[in-house]
Protein backbone atom coordinates (compact mmCIF):
# COMPACT_ATOMS: atom_id res chain seq x y z
CA MET A 1 -122.71 -13.91 -44.44
CA VAL A 2 -120.68 -16.96 -45.44
CA GLY A 3 -121.28 -19.94 -43.17
CA ILE A 4 -118.71 -22.55 -42.18
CA VAL A 5 -119.20 -26.27 -41.53
CA ILE A 6 -116.63 -28.46 -39.77
CA ILE A 7 -116.87 -32.12 -40.84
CA SER A 8 -114.97 -34.56 -38.66
CA HIS A 9 -114.99 -38.20 -37.62
CA SER A 10 -115.35 -37.02 -34.04
CA ARG A 11 -118.29 -35.06 -32.65
CA VAL A 12 -116.04 -33.66 -29.92
CA LEU A 13 -113.38 -32.56 -32.42
CA ALA A 14 -115.91 -30.88 -34.73
CA GLU A 15 -117.54 -29.07 -31.81
CA GLY A 16 -114.15 -27.95 -30.45
CA VAL A 17 -112.94 -26.58 -33.77
CA ALA A 18 -116.28 -24.82 -34.27
CA GLU A 19 -115.98 -23.29 -30.80
CA VAL A 20 -112.49 -21.92 -31.52
CA ALA A 21 -113.53 -20.61 -34.94
CA ARG A 22 -116.65 -18.91 -33.53
CA ALA A 23 -114.42 -16.98 -31.12
CA MET A 24 -112.96 -15.17 -34.16
CA GLY A 25 -116.26 -13.48 -34.95
CA VAL A 26 -118.51 -13.68 -31.93
CA GLY A 27 -122.06 -13.01 -33.01
CA LYS A 28 -121.05 -12.26 -36.59
CA ILE A 29 -120.53 -15.72 -38.07
CA VAL A 30 -122.12 -19.14 -38.14
CA VAL A 31 -119.84 -22.15 -37.66
CA GLU A 32 -121.62 -25.49 -37.44
CA PRO A 33 -120.09 -28.82 -36.44
CA ALA A 34 -120.92 -32.06 -38.24
CA GLY A 35 -118.95 -34.68 -36.38
CA GLY A 36 -119.26 -38.34 -35.65
CA ALA A 37 -121.64 -41.03 -36.78
CA LEU A 38 -125.36 -40.85 -36.11
CA ASP A 39 -125.01 -43.50 -33.38
CA GLY A 40 -122.65 -41.21 -31.47
CA GLY A 41 -119.47 -43.09 -32.32
CA LEU A 42 -116.62 -42.18 -34.59
CA GLY A 43 -117.48 -41.81 -38.26
CA THR A 44 -119.16 -39.42 -40.63
CA SER A 45 -122.77 -38.82 -41.52
CA ILE A 46 -123.99 -37.21 -44.72
CA ASP A 47 -127.28 -36.46 -42.92
CA ALA A 48 -125.51 -34.59 -40.11
CA ALA A 49 -123.40 -32.70 -42.64
CA GLU A 50 -126.46 -31.72 -44.70
CA ASP A 51 -128.19 -30.46 -41.56
CA ALA A 52 -125.11 -28.44 -40.60
CA VAL A 53 -124.98 -26.88 -44.08
CA ARG A 54 -128.65 -25.86 -43.81
CA ARG A 55 -128.00 -24.26 -40.41
CA ALA A 56 -124.88 -22.45 -41.64
CA ASP A 57 -126.27 -21.19 -44.93
CA GLY A 58 -127.14 -17.53 -44.65
CA GLY A 59 -127.46 -17.13 -48.40
CA ASP A 60 -123.86 -16.25 -49.26
CA GLY A 61 -122.51 -19.78 -49.44
CA VAL A 62 -120.94 -22.26 -47.08
CA LEU A 63 -117.31 -23.24 -46.68
CA LEU A 64 -116.64 -26.85 -45.74
CA LEU A 65 -113.59 -27.94 -43.77
CA ALA A 66 -112.99 -31.66 -43.26
CA ASP A 67 -110.49 -33.69 -41.31
CA ILE A 68 -109.57 -36.94 -43.13
CA GLY A 69 -110.80 -39.77 -45.31
CA SER A 70 -114.55 -40.18 -45.34
CA SER A 71 -115.05 -36.65 -43.99
CA VAL A 72 -113.49 -35.35 -47.19
CA LEU A 73 -115.62 -37.74 -49.24
CA THR A 74 -118.72 -36.55 -47.38
CA ALA A 75 -117.84 -32.93 -48.17
CA LYS A 76 -117.34 -33.79 -51.85
CA MET A 77 -120.72 -35.59 -51.93
CA LEU A 78 -122.39 -32.50 -50.46
CA ILE A 79 -120.87 -30.36 -53.19
CA GLU A 80 -121.95 -32.78 -55.93
CA ASP A 81 -125.51 -32.88 -54.55
CA ALA A 82 -125.73 -29.12 -53.96
CA GLU A 83 -127.66 -28.38 -57.16
CA GLY A 84 -126.74 -24.73 -57.42
CA GLU A 85 -125.99 -24.08 -53.77
CA ARG A 86 -122.69 -22.38 -53.19
CA LEU A 87 -120.49 -24.86 -51.34
CA LEU A 88 -116.70 -25.02 -51.39
CA LEU A 89 -114.32 -27.44 -49.69
CA ALA A 90 -111.10 -25.91 -48.39
CA ASP A 91 -107.86 -27.86 -48.70
CA ALA A 92 -106.66 -26.59 -45.37
CA PRO A 93 -105.52 -27.73 -41.93
CA LEU A 94 -108.68 -28.15 -39.90
CA VAL A 95 -108.12 -25.82 -36.94
CA GLU A 96 -105.96 -23.21 -38.61
CA GLY A 97 -108.16 -23.19 -41.71
CA ALA A 98 -111.31 -22.80 -39.64
CA VAL A 99 -109.85 -19.89 -37.69
CA ALA A 100 -108.62 -18.14 -40.84
CA ALA A 101 -111.96 -18.70 -42.58
CA ALA A 102 -113.95 -17.46 -39.59
CA SER A 103 -111.79 -14.35 -39.28
CA MET A 104 -112.35 -13.54 -42.95
CA ALA A 105 -116.08 -14.36 -42.83
CA ALA A 106 -116.49 -12.00 -39.87
CA THR A 107 -115.39 -9.13 -42.13
CA GLY A 108 -118.30 -9.83 -44.48
CA ALA A 109 -116.04 -11.26 -47.19
CA ASP A 110 -117.51 -13.41 -49.95
CA LEU A 111 -117.16 -17.19 -50.25
CA THR A 112 -114.16 -16.98 -52.56
CA ALA A 113 -112.22 -14.82 -50.09
CA VAL A 114 -113.20 -17.01 -47.11
CA HIS A 115 -112.09 -20.09 -49.06
CA ALA A 116 -108.77 -18.44 -49.94
CA ALA A 117 -108.18 -17.43 -46.31
CA ALA A 118 -108.75 -21.00 -45.14
CA GLU A 119 -106.38 -22.41 -47.73
CA SER A 120 -103.72 -19.82 -46.93
CA ALA A 121 -103.46 -21.39 -43.46
CA ARG A 122 -101.33 -24.14 -45.04
CA GLU A 123 -98.54 -21.59 -45.38
CA HIS A 124 -98.41 -20.62 -41.71
CA ARG A 125 -95.44 -22.48 -40.30
CA LYS A 126 -95.08 -23.11 -36.57
CA THR A 127 -91.32 -23.24 -36.56
């Protein structure tokens, strides 16, 4: 099963997005938050993100979704340091991308399909 990691500057935001995404595949998917700095404030932590990837990795790869700035840089660092692990960063809106990815992951789809589903969320207009 493809795992999903939400990387955000805010612990609360990452946990909330993970909660919503998990609702798309209750019991079938792993969505892990990696939000906030290690001291509990706003920021990003490569250590927290690495831990979240380890928890989310069921062997079929992990999709990363990030909010802004250093969260994106953290995700890119994880990919560079992966050494053969299957990690992809989705260029997607955080909430909508996470929901789309989780819905696809719950079907048993591979990492490429989960990544594509997340990125397709950019096309879903609200007006």
